[in-house]
Amino acid sequence: MTNKEKVIRNIKTNYEQMERSFVEQLAMRHDIHGTTIGTHREELWEQIFEMIIPKKFVIEHSIFIIDSDRGISHEVDLAVIDEMYTPYIFRYGKLKFVPIEAVAIVIECKSTGAKKKKKTIDNWFESIELLKTNKESICRLATMISMEAPKTQTATVPIKILCALDSVHSEYKEKFDFVLSANLKAKKVNIEVDRDRSLKAWWIHLCLADVTEPELSKIGEMKKLEMLKLKDFEIYNENKEMISLLTLNYQLNQLLMLLNNPMPFPHLAYAKLFQE
């Protein structure tokens, strides 16, 4: 084995060790409930995403997401946002209202099995689904002043992730884009995702949420994008076991690259919201 091959092997081994250590920390005081333990587990999940997600994004705690049509989400445990182009609606201390246009990922963390929290999660999920981005932005492009969103990103939705311990309700595999559950016995993180969905389908889901079926038929063929699926980004060890954190790194960041930048912010729409 060459030195270069040893480096690659060691990186994979380190990811497996980090995963075991992470699950062991999640399992600490498993029999103790309450705000302190729940917050501790939320912070652990945040550390995982901070390790994976590029620094151009910011991970915010306990925010509310708002749209220009008076929609407000339930409290979001963790949100990945791009604050380079998009202003906060309101930020004072720990109280933060973030516009839906800025949000790339929303993460719900459950310190117990998600089965016990089904109604709470359903309500949380619905509050996110009801939020809509506004395409009536005004911004300068290279050759013109644009008065609308780009054709490749007409209405975005955030990637939805549920993080929990064992016993995740099967329904969430369809609702959430990713379901991450800590297998305490195996000391592994299980990833539930539609691994057979093509990157073209992911792009349409995340960036063209308002496009109707007849309009989708006009997009045309994107053979390479249609052939690539999330399962092509999975990483395994010598025992054919998935290295979950390394896999999540490439799968999640590929989807973030489809979003790439947030929707151009519709300043006028939010100004009208408060004027009214």
Protein backbone atom coordinates (compact mmCIF):
# COMPACT_ATOMS: atom_id res chain seq x y z
CA MET A 1 0.00 0.00 0.00
CA THR A 2 1.39 3.39 -1.03
CA ASN A 3 1.56 6.38 1.29
CA LYS A 4 -1.24 8.08 -0.67
CA GLU A 5 -3.44 5.01 -0.26
CA LYS A 6 -2.67 4.98 3.47
CA VAL A 7 -3.81 8.61 3.78
CA ILE A 8 -7.14 7.81 2.12
CA ARG A 9 -7.60 4.75 4.35
CA ASN A 10 -6.77 6.77 7.47
CA ILE A 11 -9.30 9.47 6.56
CA LYS A 12 -12.01 6.83 6.21
CA THR A 13 -10.94 5.25 9.52
CA ASN A 14 -11.05 8.61 11.28
CA TYR A 15 -14.59 9.23 10.04
CA GLU A 16 -15.64 5.86 11.49
CA GLN A 17 -14.00 6.69 14.82
CA MET A 18 -15.72 10.09 14.93
CA GLU A 19 -19.05 8.42 14.21
CA ARG A 20 -18.61 5.95 17.09
CA SER A 21 -17.58 8.73 19.45
CA PHE A 22 -20.54 10.85 18.38
CA VAL A 23 -23.09 8.08 19.00
CA GLU A 24 -21.50 7.28 22.36
CA GLN A 25 -21.94 10.92 23.41
CA LEU A 26 -25.55 10.88 22.21
CA ALA A 27 -26.14 7.80 24.34
CA MET A 28 -24.81 9.40 27.52
CA ARG A 29 -27.50 9.70 30.20
CA HIS A 30 -30.02 8.13 27.87
CA ASP A 31 -32.30 7.51 30.85
CA ILE A 32 -32.34 11.21 31.84
CA HIS A 33 -34.88 13.50 30.22
CA GLY A 34 -35.32 17.23 30.23
CA THR A 35 -34.24 20.47 28.57
CA THR A 36 -30.56 20.15 29.50
CA ILE A 37 -30.07 16.73 27.92
CA GLY A 38 -32.12 17.68 24.86
CA THR A 39 -30.01 20.80 24.35
CA HIS A 40 -26.83 18.77 24.77
CA ARG A 41 -27.88 16.35 22.02
CA GLU A 42 -28.89 19.25 19.77
CA GLU A 43 -25.42 20.74 20.21
CA LEU A 44 -23.86 17.38 19.30
CA TRP A 45 -25.83 17.23 16.05
CA GLU A 46 -24.78 20.82 15.35
CA GLN A 47 -21.13 19.82 15.68
CA ILE A 48 -21.62 17.16 13.02
CA PHE A 49 -23.12 19.64 10.57
CA GLU A 50 -20.44 22.22 11.35
CA MET A 51 -17.84 19.61 10.47
CA ILE A 52 -19.52 18.88 7.13
CA ILE A 53 -21.04 22.12 5.84
CA PRO A 54 -18.85 24.82 4.18
CA LYS A 55 -18.19 28.05 6.08
CA LYS A 56 -20.15 30.16 3.57
CA PHE A 57 -23.19 28.90 5.47
CA VAL A 58 -24.17 29.79 9.03
CA ILE A 59 -25.82 27.35 11.44
CA GLU A 60 -28.34 29.15 13.63
CA HIS A 61 -30.02 27.83 16.81
CA SER A 62 -33.71 28.10 17.65
CA ILE A 63 -34.99 30.43 14.94
CA PHE A 64 -38.36 31.24 13.44
CA ILE A 65 -38.70 31.35 9.67
CA ILE A 66 -40.96 33.93 8.07
CA ASP A 67 -42.18 34.60 4.53
CA SER A 68 -43.50 37.78 2.87
CA ASP A 69 -47.10 36.53 3.07
CA ARG A 70 -47.27 36.55 6.91
CA GLY A 71 -46.29 32.89 7.27
CA ILE A 72 -44.26 32.01 10.37
CA SER A 73 -42.84 28.59 11.17
CA HIS A 74 -42.70 26.78 14.47
CA GLU A 75 -39.36 27.11 16.22
CA VAL A 76 -36.59 25.42 14.24
CA ASP A 77 -33.87 23.67 16.27
CA LEU A 78 -31.11 24.21 13.71
CA ALA A 79 -31.17 26.06 10.42
CA VAL A 80 -28.44 26.36 7.80
CA ILE A 81 -28.66 29.77 6.19
CA ASP A 82 -26.74 31.94 3.77
CA GLU A 83 -26.51 35.35 5.42
CA MET A 84 -24.17 36.85 2.81
CA TYR A 85 -26.99 38.17 0.60
CA THR A 86 -30.07 37.99 2.82
CA PRO A 87 -30.84 40.21 5.83
CA TYR A 88 -32.45 38.92 9.00
CA ILE A 89 -36.03 40.06 9.48
CA PHE A 90 -35.28 40.55 13.16
CA ARG A 91 -32.31 39.62 15.34
CA TYR A 92 -31.90 40.65 18.95
CA GLY A 93 -29.99 38.41 21.32
CA LYS A 94 -31.28 34.87 20.95
CA LEU A 95 -34.52 35.89 19.22
CA LYS A 96 -34.16 35.53 15.43
CA PHE A 97 -36.62 35.70 12.54
CA VAL A 98 -35.08 34.58 9.26
CA PRO A 99 -36.68 34.92 5.79
CA ILE A 100 -37.42 31.65 4.00
CA GLU A 101 -35.37 32.83 1.00
CA ALA A 102 -32.17 32.52 3.07
CA VAL A 103 -32.76 29.03 4.46
CA ALA A 104 -30.95 26.09 2.85
CA ILE A 105 -31.55 23.40 5.51
CA VAL A 106 -33.93 23.00 8.45
CA ILE A 107 -33.10 20.43 11.11
CA GLU A 108 -35.42 19.04 13.77
CA CYS A 109 -33.62 17.27 16.62
CA LYS A 110 -35.37 14.80 18.92
CA SER A 111 -33.67 13.56 22.07
CA THR A 112 -35.98 10.54 22.27
CA GLY A 113 -37.38 8.19 19.65
CA ALA A 114 -39.32 10.24 17.10
CA LYS A 115 -42.31 7.90 17.35
CA LYS A 116 -43.21 9.49 20.69
CA LYS A 117 -43.23 12.97 19.14
CA LYS A 118 -45.22 12.28 15.97
CA LYS A 119 -47.88 15.00 16.39
CA THR A 120 -45.27 17.60 17.36
CA ILE A 121 -43.13 16.75 14.34
CA ASP A 122 -46.15 16.74 12.00
CA ASN A 123 -47.11 20.25 13.12
CA TRP A 124 -43.51 21.44 12.80
CA PHE A 125 -43.23 19.96 9.31
CA GLU A 126 -46.48 21.55 8.13
CA SER A 127 -45.41 24.99 9.39
CA ILE A 128 -42.30 24.74 7.18
CA GLU A 129 -44.21 23.45 4.15
CA LEU A 130 -46.61 26.41 4.21
CA LEU A 131 -43.81 28.96 3.78
CA LYS A 132 -43.24 30.21 0.24
CA THR A 133 -40.34 32.11 -1.30
CA ASN A 134 -41.09 35.28 -3.27
CA LYS A 135 -39.51 35.67 -6.71
CA GLU A 136 -40.13 39.42 -7.13
CA SER A 137 -36.57 40.52 -6.41
CA ILE A 138 -34.60 43.41 -7.88
CA CYS A 139 -30.89 42.82 -8.34
CA ARG A 140 -28.06 43.56 -10.74
CA LEU A 141 -26.77 40.76 -12.93
CA ALA A 142 -23.74 40.90 -15.21
CA THR A 143 -25.66 42.27 -18.19
CA MET A 144 -28.92 43.65 -16.79
CA ILE A 145 -31.07 44.60 -13.81
CA SER A 146 -33.25 41.57 -13.07
CA MET A 147 -36.78 41.99 -11.72
CA GLU A 148 -37.41 38.30 -10.99
CA ALA A 149 -35.76 35.10 -9.83
CA PRO A 150 -33.45 33.23 -12.24
CA LYS A 151 -35.06 30.54 -14.38
CA THR A 152 -32.98 27.83 -12.72
CA GLN A 153 -34.20 28.78 -9.23
CA THR A 154 -37.77 30.07 -9.28
CA ALA A 155 -38.91 28.88 -5.83
CA THR A 156 -36.71 27.12 -3.31
CA VAL A 157 -37.55 24.85 -0.40
CA PRO A 158 -35.08 24.00 2.37
CA ILE A 159 -33.62 20.52 2.72
CA LYS A 160 -35.50 18.98 5.65
CA ILE A 161 -33.56 16.79 8.09
CA LEU A 162 -34.85 14.88 11.11
CA CYS A 163 -32.24 13.84 13.69
CA ALA A 164 -33.32 11.34 16.32
CA LEU A 165 -32.38 8.31 18.33
CA ASP A 166 -33.73 4.85 17.42
CA SER A 167 -37.36 4.15 16.43
CA VAL A 168 -37.95 6.71 13.70
CA HIS A 169 -41.50 6.55 12.36
CA SER A 170 -41.50 5.12 8.82
CA GLU A 171 -43.70 7.99 7.60
CA TYR A 172 -40.81 10.41 8.00
CA LYS A 173 -38.79 8.68 5.31
CA GLU A 174 -41.22 10.20 2.82
CA LYS A 175 -41.68 13.57 4.56
CA PHE A 176 -38.09 14.45 5.37
CA ASP A 177 -35.31 14.57 2.81
CA PHE A 178 -32.90 12.99 5.32
CA VAL A 179 -33.67 11.05 8.49
CA LEU A 180 -30.57 10.56 10.63
CA SER A 181 -30.92 8.18 13.55
CA ALA A 182 -28.28 7.07 16.02
CA ASN A 183 -28.08 3.31 16.41
CA LEU A 184 -26.87 3.12 20.01
CA LYS A 185 -26.06 -0.60 19.93
CA ALA A 186 -24.09 -0.59 16.69
CA LYS A 187 -22.64 2.87 17.41
CA LYS A 188 -23.57 3.94 13.89
CA VAL A 189 -25.59 6.75 12.33
CA ASN A 190 -28.29 5.43 10.02
CA ILE A 191 -29.09 7.56 6.94
CA GLU A 192 -32.57 7.32 5.45
CA VAL A 193 -32.77 9.19 2.13
CA ASP A 194 -34.21 8.64 -1.34
CA ARG A 195 -30.91 7.34 -2.68
CA ASP A 196 -32.44 6.46 -6.07
CA ARG A 197 -33.76 9.96 -6.83
CA SER A 198 -31.77 11.56 -9.66
CA LEU A 199 -29.94 14.85 -9.22
CA LYS A 200 -32.29 16.34 -11.80
CA ALA A 201 -35.26 15.37 -9.62
CA TRP A 202 -33.51 16.81 -6.55
CA TRP A 203 -32.86 20.09 -8.41
CA ILE A 204 -36.53 20.35 -9.42
CA HIS A 205 -37.62 19.56 -5.83
CA LEU A 206 -35.31 22.12 -4.21
CA CYS A 207 -35.17 24.94 -6.77
CA LEU A 208 -38.33 24.75 -8.92
CA ALA A 209 -40.97 24.15 -6.25
CA ASP A 210 -43.53 26.32 -8.04
CA VAL A 211 -43.12 24.80 -11.52
CA THR A 212 -46.12 22.82 -12.78
CA GLU A 213 -45.94 19.49 -14.61
CA PRO A 214 -46.58 21.02 -18.08
CA GLU A 215 -43.75 23.49 -17.51
CA LEU A 216 -41.41 20.74 -16.29
CA SER A 217 -41.83 18.95 -19.63
CA LYS A 218 -40.17 21.96 -21.32
CA ILE A 219 -36.96 21.65 -19.31
CA GLY A 220 -35.59 19.07 -21.71
CA GLU A 221 -33.20 16.21 -21.23
CA MET A 222 -30.34 16.41 -18.76
CA LYS A 223 -28.95 12.94 -19.23
CA LYS A 224 -25.97 13.18 -16.91
CA LEU A 225 -28.02 14.84 -14.17
CA GLU A 226 -30.72 12.19 -14.62
CA MET A 227 -28.21 9.34 -14.38
CA LEU A 228 -26.54 10.55 -11.18
CA LYS A 229 -28.24 9.51 -7.93
CA LEU A 230 -27.40 10.01 -4.26
CA LYS A 231 -26.39 6.36 -3.97
CA ASP A 232 -23.43 7.20 -6.23
CA PHE A 233 -22.01 9.25 -3.34
CA GLU A 234 -22.09 6.47 -0.73
CA ILE A 235 -18.78 5.45 0.87
CA TYR A 236 -18.16 1.97 2.35
CA ASN A 237 -15.38 0.33 4.34
CA GLU A 238 -13.69 -2.99 3.69
CA ASN A 239 -16.56 -4.81 5.45
CA LYS A 240 -19.15 -3.29 3.07
CA GLU A 241 -20.47 -1.07 5.92
CA MET A 242 -21.42 2.48 5.05
CA ILE A 243 -19.22 5.22 6.51
CA SER A 244 -22.20 7.39 7.30
CA LEU A 245 -20.62 10.75 8.15
CA LEU A 246 -18.37 10.67 5.08
CA THR A 247 -21.35 9.69 2.93
CA LEU A 248 -23.48 12.46 4.41
CA ASN A 249 -20.66 14.91 3.68
CA TYR A 250 -20.81 14.31 -0.06
CA GLN A 251 -24.55 13.74 -0.40
CA LEU A 252 -25.61 16.83 1.54
CA ASN A 253 -23.01 19.14 0.01
CA GLN A 254 -23.96 18.01 -3.49
CA LEU A 255 -27.54 19.06 -2.80
CA LEU A 256 -26.32 22.38 -1.39
CA MET A 257 -24.43 22.91 -4.65
CA LEU A 258 -27.71 22.53 -6.54
CA LEU A 259 -29.10 25.37 -4.42
CA ASN A 260 -25.69 27.10 -4.66
CA ASN A 261 -26.86 30.60 -3.68
CA PRO A 262 -30.07 31.70 -1.98
CA MET A 263 -33.02 33.25 -3.81
CA PRO A 264 -32.37 36.95 -4.56
CA PHE A 265 -34.02 38.66 -1.61
CA PRO A 266 -37.39 40.35 -2.38
CA HIS A 267 -36.86 43.50 -0.30
CA LEU A 268 -39.98 45.22 -1.64
CA ALA A 269 -42.26 42.29 -0.73
CA TYR A 270 -41.10 42.37 2.89
CA ALA A 271 -41.31 46.16 2.98
CA LYS A 272 -44.96 45.89 1.90
CA LEU A 273 -45.55 43.23 4.57
CA PHE A 274 -44.63 45.67 7.32
CA GLN A 275 -46.29 48.65 5.60
CA GLU A 276 -49.59 46.80 5.68
